[in-house]
Amino acid sequence: MINELDCIVLTTDLPEYGLAAGDIGTVVMVHQNAQGFEVEFVSLDGHTLAVTSLYPSQVRPVVRNEIAHARLLEAA
């Protein structure tokens, strides 16, 4: 179950935002019984890169023993 303020992992690329599967975002709103999520993606220096609505198939919860990896954002 994914709730508001949970960290999620993107499961699909979102080239229009320069985001790639594996990027981490924060759920800022859960739509109608988890039929969708409003997710914010933020750079490591705190700048919002994107806020977008996503389907459950496009995200997954963070699981135990995962580690984050830094990468440069490609121009959208």
C-alpha atoms as a PDB file:
ATOM      1  CA  MET A   1       0.000   0.000   0.000  1.00  0.00           C
ATOM      2  CA  ILE A   2       1.334   3.398  -0.985  1.00  0.00           C
ATOM      3  CA  ASN A   3       0.354   6.385   1.167  1.00  0.00           C
ATOM      4  CA  GLU A   4       0.887  10.142   1.070  1.00  0.00           C
ATOM      5  CA  LEU A   5       4.482  11.141   1.897  1.00  0.00           C
ATOM      6  CA  ASP A   6       5.827   7.675   1.045  1.00  0.00           C
ATOM      7  CA  CYS A   7       8.922   7.469  -1.117  1.00  0.00           C
ATOM      8  CA  ILE A   8       8.286   5.523  -4.312  1.00  0.00           C
ATOM      9  CA  VAL A   9      10.418   4.184  -7.143  1.00  0.00           C
ATOM     10  CA  LEU A  10       9.513   5.057 -10.713  1.00  0.00           C
ATOM     11  CA  THR A  11       9.040   1.909 -12.827  1.00  0.00           C
ATOM     12  CA  THR A  12       8.893   3.585 -16.248  1.00  0.00           C
ATOM     13  CA  ASP A  13      10.891   6.315 -17.949  1.00  0.00           C
ATOM     14  CA  LEU A  14       9.312   9.776 -18.113  1.00  0.00           C
ATOM     15  CA  PRO A  15      11.477  11.393 -20.817  1.00  0.00           C
ATOM     16  CA  GLU A  16       9.357  14.565 -20.858  1.00  0.00           C
ATOM     17  CA  TYR A  17      10.756  15.270 -17.352  1.00  0.00           C
ATOM     18  CA  GLY A  18      14.177  13.690 -17.849  1.00  0.00           C
ATOM     19  CA  LEU A  19      13.226  10.982 -15.324  1.00  0.00           C
ATOM     20  CA  ALA A  20      14.161   7.324 -15.628  1.00  0.00           C
ATOM     21  CA  ALA A  21      12.932   4.084 -14.130  1.00  0.00           C
ATOM     22  CA  GLY A  22      14.550   3.729 -10.738  1.00  0.00           C
ATOM     23  CA  ASP A  23      14.298   7.427  -9.831  1.00  0.00           C
ATOM     24  CA  ILE A  24      12.842   8.138  -6.399  1.00  0.00           C
ATOM     25  CA  GLY A  25       9.910  10.460  -5.730  1.00  0.00           C
ATOM     26  CA  THR A  26       7.577  11.376  -2.890  1.00  0.00           C
ATOM     27  CA  VAL A  27       3.818  10.851  -3.019  1.00  0.00           C
ATOM     28  CA  VAL A  28       2.118  14.182  -2.312  1.00  0.00           C
ATOM     29  CA  MET A  29      -1.448  12.992  -2.984  1.00  0.00           C
ATOM     30  CA  VAL A  30      -3.228   9.675  -3.386  1.00  0.00           C
ATOM     31  CA  HIS A  31      -6.105   9.803  -5.894  1.00  0.00           C
ATOM     32  CA  GLN A  32      -9.377   7.870  -5.381  1.00  0.00           C
ATOM     33  CA  ASN A  33      -8.458   4.750  -3.422  1.00  0.00           C
ATOM     34  CA  ALA A  34      -4.948   4.562  -4.912  1.00  0.00           C
ATOM     35  CA  GLN A  35      -6.099   4.649  -8.546  1.00  0.00           C
ATOM     36  CA  GLY A  36      -3.339   7.193  -9.107  1.00  0.00           C
ATOM     37  CA  PHE A  37      -0.686   9.227  -7.328  1.00  0.00           C
ATOM     38  CA  GLU A  38       0.589  12.780  -7.492  1.00  0.00           C
ATOM     39  CA  VAL A  39       4.370  12.414  -7.135  1.00  0.00           C
ATOM     40  CA  GLU A  40       7.079  15.029  -6.641  1.00  0.00           C
ATOM     41  CA  PHE A  41      10.607  14.398  -7.860  1.00  0.00           C
ATOM     42  CA  VAL A  42      13.327  16.528  -6.269  1.00  0.00           C
ATOM     43  CA  SER A  43      17.036  16.877  -7.048  1.00  0.00           C
ATOM     44  CA  LEU A  44      19.529  16.138  -4.286  1.00  0.00           C
ATOM     45  CA  ASP A  45      20.073  19.884  -3.809  1.00  0.00           C
ATOM     46  CA  GLY A  46      16.352  20.387  -3.103  1.00  0.00           C
ATOM     47  CA  HIS A  47      14.980  21.725  -6.399  1.00  0.00           C
ATOM     48  CA  THR A  48      11.673  20.320  -7.607  1.00  0.00           C
ATOM     49  CA  LEU A  49      12.193  18.658 -10.980  1.00  0.00           C
ATOM     50  CA  ALA A  50       8.618  17.535 -11.608  1.00  0.00           C
ATOM     51  CA  VAL A  51       5.245  17.031  -9.996  1.00  0.00           C
ATOM     52  CA  THR A  52       3.146  14.631 -12.028  1.00  0.00           C
ATOM     53  CA  SER A  53       0.177  12.268 -11.796  1.00  0.00           C
ATOM     54  CA  LEU A  54       1.108   8.623 -12.208  1.00  0.00           C
ATOM     55  CA  TYR A  55      -0.747   5.318 -12.426  1.00  0.00           C
ATOM     56  CA  PRO A  56      -0.040   2.532  -9.943  1.00  0.00           C
ATOM     57  CA  SER A  57       1.726   0.607 -12.741  1.00  0.00           C
ATOM     58  CA  GLN A  58       4.274   3.446 -13.016  1.00  0.00           C
ATOM     59  CA  VAL A  59       5.421   3.338  -9.388  1.00  0.00           C
ATOM     60  CA  ARG A  60       6.303   0.869  -6.687  1.00  0.00           C
ATOM     61  CA  PRO A  61       7.076   1.126  -2.994  1.00  0.00           C
ATOM     62  CA  VAL A  62      10.659   1.273  -1.779  1.00  0.00           C
ATOM     63  CA  VAL A  63      11.680  -2.133  -0.435  1.00  0.00           C
ATOM     64  CA  ARG A  64      14.085  -3.171   2.287  1.00  0.00           C
ATOM     65  CA  ASN A  65      17.821  -3.076   1.490  1.00  0.00           C
ATOM     66  CA  GLU A  66      17.530  -0.820  -1.577  1.00  0.00           C
ATOM     67  CA  ILE A  67      20.126   1.894  -2.000  1.00  0.00           C
ATOM     68  CA  ALA A  68      19.803   5.224  -3.817  1.00  0.00           C
ATOM     69  CA  HIS A  69      22.143   6.094  -6.694  1.00  0.00           C
ATOM     70  CA  ALA A  70      22.944   9.640  -7.877  1.00  0.00           C
ATOM     71  CA  ARG A  71      22.951  10.579 -11.566  1.00  0.00           C
ATOM     72  CA  LEU A  72      22.920  13.823 -13.513  1.00  0.00           C
ATOM     73  CA  LEU A  73      19.550  14.811 -14.943  1.00  0.00           C
ATOM     74  CA  GLU A  74      19.511  14.850 -18.707  1.00  0.00           C
ATOM     75  CA  ALA A  75      17.887  17.908 -20.278  1.00  0.00           C
ATOM     76  CA  ALA A  76      14.190  17.322 -20.861  1.00  0.00           C
END
